[in-house]
Structure formats: C-alpha cells, structure tokens
Amino acid sequence: MFGSIKYNFANIFNFDGRDARQTFWFYMLFLFVLQVALGMIAAIPMYAEMATGAFGVAQAGGGEQDVQSAMLGKIGGMMKSQVLIAVVIGAIASILFSAAFVRRLHDSGKTGWWLLLVLVPYLGSLAFNLVNIDATIALTEEMMTMTDPDQQVALQSQLYRYSALGYLAYIPVIVFGIWKSDDGPNRYGEEPQRF
C-alpha cells in the first residue's frame, strides 16, 4: 500500500503510462482517508465553538429557544468556512487524483479524456456549493427552527441537491477503476508494476 502511495506522489503530474488496479485503489483509499481526516480536523474547532456557545447559554439558565438561537447565530459563518475549506480540499484532491486516474484509464486501453467525466461534475459541484452557500445557510437555518419532522425532511431534500452532482463523479471512478486491465503492453505502455 505504501509503495502505491509513494509511486503516485512521485508521478503526481505524470499522465503517461499505466497504473494497475491494485496501485490505483490503494492510492484512492489513501486520498479518501486524507480528505475525510482533513475535513474533520477543519470542522472540529468550528463545531467546538458552536457547542461551547450553546453550553454557555444553557448553563446560564437559557431555555431551549435561547440555546438554539446561540447555535444558529454561529452556523452561518461556520458553514461558509466549511464550504471554503471543502472547496480547497476538493481542488487539491482533484489534482492528486487526476494523473493516477488517467494512468488507470490507460491500463484498460482508454483515453485519458474520460477524466472529464469525473472532474466536470465534481468541480462543478464544488463551484455550485460555493456560489449557493447563502441559499444553503438560509435553508439550514429555516430547517433548524421547524418542529414538524415532515417539513424538516422536505427542506433537507432540497439541501441534498446542492451536493448530489458531486456524487455522480464517483460512478466513472468506480467503473473505470475496476475495468479489466489490458494484458501485456498496449498503446500506452508496458504492463504496469503492482505495488
């Protein structure tokens, strides 16, 4: 596994050649864990600040509405920060991912241009979330003040559309990631070494 990560970092901007399935998937696992870990590290201080404010209000004798108001007062700024961090992490992950995916495509005899099937929806989703952050915050704040679960579910389904596009990008990654490798050499090079 570590050989796969080391190999991909050494070839981060190398779009030539081929990557075996094993090499590709170990690297994808690493990128996934890295992206989740960075997102969590970025989110912990923001959520801790929100919780501290809410606990302070509760300890001072504030009611449920006061506690909720304390949380809502911070959520807008937190969501903006979280989206900005997610966009930066997503853009970096796209850079780290691209060459490995093109080499994986080459291993099954496909052109690297199939990468656009992944990048366009994923980066489009990041841009869409960035542009629509104020609408997302408004829906979230409205949802948090509702008491009817059915209304909350209806608003939550509206929130999902903001991120659904990005999840479509995973389909070609999975399909081409498990596609059978060409046996022996192909037009993109020799059969790849497995790590």
Protein backbone atom coordinates (compact mmCIF):
# COMPACT_ATOMS: atom_id res chain seq x y z
CA MET A 1 0.00 0.00 0.00
CA PHE A 2 2.72 2.47 0.95
CA GLY A 3 4.55 1.66 -2.29
CA SER A 4 1.42 2.68 -4.20
CA ILE A 5 1.18 6.00 -2.35
CA LYS A 6 4.89 6.71 -2.82
CA TYR A 7 4.67 5.81 -6.53
CA ASN A 8 1.67 8.09 -7.12
CA PHE A 9 3.23 11.04 -5.30
CA ALA A 10 6.40 10.58 -7.37
CA ASN A 11 4.22 10.62 -10.51
CA ILE A 12 1.68 13.24 -9.46
CA PHE A 13 1.89 15.16 -12.75
CA ASN A 14 2.79 12.20 -14.95
CA PHE A 15 -0.15 11.43 -17.23
CA ASP A 16 1.79 8.87 -19.28
CA GLY A 17 1.91 5.15 -18.75
CA ARG A 18 -0.36 2.79 -16.87
CA ASP A 19 -1.47 2.05 -13.28
CA ALA A 20 -2.66 -1.36 -12.17
CA ARG A 21 -5.97 -1.68 -10.34
CA GLN A 22 -4.27 -2.51 -7.06
CA THR A 23 -1.97 0.51 -7.28
CA PHE A 24 -4.89 2.78 -8.17
CA TRP A 25 -7.25 1.58 -5.43
CA PHE A 26 -4.67 1.71 -2.64
CA TYR A 27 -3.94 5.30 -3.65
CA MET A 28 -7.68 6.11 -3.83
CA LEU A 29 -8.12 4.72 -0.32
CA PHE A 30 -5.29 6.94 0.88
CA LEU A 31 -6.81 10.03 -0.80
CA PHE A 32 -10.25 9.26 0.67
CA VAL A 33 -8.89 8.86 4.21
CA LEU A 34 -6.78 12.01 3.81
CA GLN A 35 -9.75 14.04 2.56
CA VAL A 36 -12.02 12.85 5.40
CA ALA A 37 -9.33 13.44 8.03
CA LEU A 38 -8.59 16.98 6.79
CA GLY A 39 -12.30 17.78 6.70
CA MET A 40 -12.75 16.55 10.26
CA ILE A 41 -9.71 18.42 11.51
CA ALA A 42 -11.07 21.60 9.93
CA ALA A 43 -14.57 21.06 11.34
CA ILE A 44 -13.72 20.24 14.95
CA PRO A 45 -12.76 23.79 16.04
CA MET A 46 -15.85 25.26 14.38
CA TYR A 47 -18.27 22.82 15.96
CA ALA A 48 -16.50 23.10 19.32
CA GLU A 49 -17.01 26.87 19.23
CA MET A 50 -20.70 26.43 18.40
CA ALA A 51 -21.19 23.86 21.17
CA THR A 52 -19.31 25.99 23.71
CA GLY A 53 -21.61 28.92 23.00
CA ALA A 54 -24.71 26.75 23.30
CA PHE A 55 -23.48 25.14 26.55
CA GLY A 56 -22.72 28.60 27.95
CA VAL A 57 -26.28 29.73 27.28
CA ALA A 58 -27.68 26.53 28.79
CA GLN A 59 -25.51 26.86 31.90
CA ALA A 60 -26.65 30.46 32.32
CA GLY A 61 -30.22 29.18 32.55
CA GLY A 62 -31.29 29.85 28.97
CA GLY A 63 -34.17 27.84 27.60
CA GLU A 64 -34.24 25.59 24.58
CA GLN A 65 -35.02 28.51 22.25
CA ASP A 66 -32.06 30.51 23.63
CA VAL A 67 -29.70 27.57 23.15
CA GLN A 68 -30.95 27.06 19.61
CA SER A 69 -30.53 30.79 18.88
CA ALA A 70 -26.96 30.64 20.17
CA MET A 71 -26.24 27.76 17.81
CA LEU A 72 -27.98 29.39 14.84
CA GLY A 73 -26.03 32.59 15.39
CA LYS A 74 -22.81 30.74 14.62
CA ILE A 75 -23.93 28.26 11.99
CA GLY A 76 -23.91 30.64 9.02
CA GLY A 77 -20.28 31.65 9.47
CA MET A 78 -19.30 28.07 10.19
CA MET A 79 -20.98 26.78 7.04
CA LYS A 80 -19.25 29.40 4.90
CA SER A 81 -15.90 28.44 6.39
CA GLN A 82 -16.63 24.74 5.95
CA VAL A 83 -17.59 25.18 2.29
CA LEU A 84 -14.44 27.20 1.58
CA ILE A 85 -12.31 24.54 3.26
CA ALA A 86 -14.15 21.78 1.36
CA VAL A 87 -13.55 23.57 -1.95
CA VAL A 88 -9.83 23.90 -1.24
CA ILE A 89 -9.53 20.27 -0.08
CA GLY A 90 -11.59 19.10 -3.08
CA ALA A 91 -9.45 21.06 -5.55
CA ILE A 92 -6.25 19.64 -4.04
CA ALA A 93 -7.71 16.12 -4.06
CA SER A 94 -8.61 16.58 -7.75
CA ILE A 95 -5.01 17.47 -8.54
CA LEU A 96 -3.72 14.47 -6.58
CA PHE A 97 -6.28 12.19 -8.25
CA SER A 98 -6.09 13.21 -11.92
CA ALA A 99 -2.83 11.68 -13.13
CA ALA A 100 -3.48 8.39 -11.29
CA PHE A 101 -6.93 8.11 -12.87
CA VAL A 102 -5.58 8.84 -16.37
CA ARG A 103 -2.93 6.15 -15.93
CA ARG A 104 -5.65 3.75 -14.72
CA LEU A 105 -7.68 4.56 -17.84
CA HIS A 106 -4.59 3.88 -19.95
CA ASP A 107 -4.19 0.49 -18.30
CA SER A 108 -7.53 -0.60 -19.74
CA GLY A 109 -6.80 0.95 -23.14
CA LYS A 110 -8.97 4.06 -22.62
CA THR A 111 -8.02 7.62 -23.41
CA GLY A 112 -7.29 9.99 -20.55
CA TRP A 113 -10.00 12.35 -21.74
CA TRP A 114 -12.50 10.21 -19.79
CA LEU A 115 -11.14 12.09 -16.77
CA LEU A 116 -13.51 14.91 -17.70
CA LEU A 117 -16.45 12.65 -16.78
CA VAL A 118 -15.16 12.88 -13.22
CA LEU A 119 -13.73 16.38 -12.99
CA VAL A 120 -16.59 18.31 -14.60
CA PRO A 121 -19.34 17.15 -12.22
CA TYR A 122 -17.08 17.12 -9.16
CA LEU A 123 -15.57 20.58 -9.67
CA GLY A 124 -18.98 21.81 -10.87
CA SER A 125 -20.48 20.62 -7.58
CA LEU A 126 -17.80 22.43 -5.59
CA ALA A 127 -18.43 25.63 -7.56
CA PHE A 128 -22.21 25.23 -7.22
CA ASN A 129 -21.90 24.82 -3.44
CA LEU A 130 -19.65 27.86 -3.23
CA VAL A 131 -21.98 30.05 -5.28
CA ASN A 132 -25.12 28.87 -3.46
CA ILE A 133 -23.79 28.91 0.10
CA ASP A 134 -26.14 31.69 1.22
CA ALA A 135 -29.19 29.77 -0.01
CA THR A 136 -27.90 26.65 1.74
CA ILE A 137 -27.43 28.56 5.00
CA ALA A 138 -30.94 30.02 4.75
CA LEU A 139 -32.46 26.55 4.20
CA THR A 140 -30.45 25.10 7.09
CA GLU A 141 -31.47 27.87 9.46
CA GLU A 142 -35.10 27.50 8.42
CA MET A 143 -34.92 23.75 8.91
CA MET A 144 -33.44 24.11 12.41
CA THR A 145 -36.34 26.28 13.57
CA MET A 146 -39.03 23.86 12.38
CA THR A 147 -40.76 21.48 14.74
CA ASP A 148 -42.60 19.37 12.14
CA PRO A 149 -40.37 16.42 11.07
CA ASP A 150 -42.08 16.17 7.67
CA GLN A 151 -41.24 19.78 6.89
CA GLN A 152 -37.67 19.22 8.03
CA VAL A 153 -37.33 16.22 5.71
CA ALA A 154 -38.75 18.25 2.81
CA LEU A 155 -36.21 21.04 3.37
CA GLN A 156 -33.40 18.55 3.87
CA SER A 157 -34.14 17.02 0.47
CA GLN A 158 -33.66 20.48 -1.05
CA LEU A 159 -30.24 20.65 0.61
CA TYR A 160 -29.21 17.34 -0.96
CA ARG A 161 -29.49 18.69 -4.48
CA TYR A 162 -26.58 21.01 -3.74
CA SER A 163 -24.22 18.09 -3.27
CA ALA A 164 -25.75 15.38 -5.47
CA LEU A 165 -23.83 16.43 -8.57
CA GLY A 166 -20.51 15.74 -6.87
CA TYR A 167 -21.52 12.19 -6.02
CA LEU A 168 -22.20 11.43 -9.69
CA ALA A 169 -18.47 11.82 -10.27
CA TYR A 170 -17.79 8.68 -8.26
CA ILE A 171 -19.61 6.44 -10.76
CA PRO A 172 -16.99 6.66 -13.54
CA VAL A 173 -14.20 6.33 -10.95
CA ILE A 174 -15.67 3.05 -9.77
CA VAL A 175 -16.50 1.78 -13.26
CA PHE A 176 -13.12 2.58 -14.81
CA GLY A 177 -11.28 1.76 -11.60
CA ILE A 178 -12.45 -1.85 -11.70
CA TRP A 179 -12.32 -2.19 -15.51
CA LYS A 180 -10.17 -5.10 -16.61
CA SER A 181 -6.59 -4.24 -17.44
CA ASP A 182 -5.21 -4.92 -20.89
CA ASP A 183 -2.95 -7.96 -20.83
CA GLY A 184 0.60 -7.21 -21.84
CA PRO A 185 1.65 -3.96 -23.49
CA ASN A 186 -0.89 -1.61 -25.04
CA ARG A 187 -0.60 1.73 -26.87
CA TYR A 188 0.03 3.49 -23.52
CA GLY A 189 2.97 1.38 -22.43
CA GLU A 190 4.10 -1.83 -20.83
CA GLU A 191 2.01 -3.72 -18.33
CA PRO A 192 2.24 -1.77 -15.05
CA GLN A 193 4.09 -2.82 -11.96
CA ARG A 194 1.88 -3.63 -8.98
CA PHE A 195 2.67 -2.24 -5.57
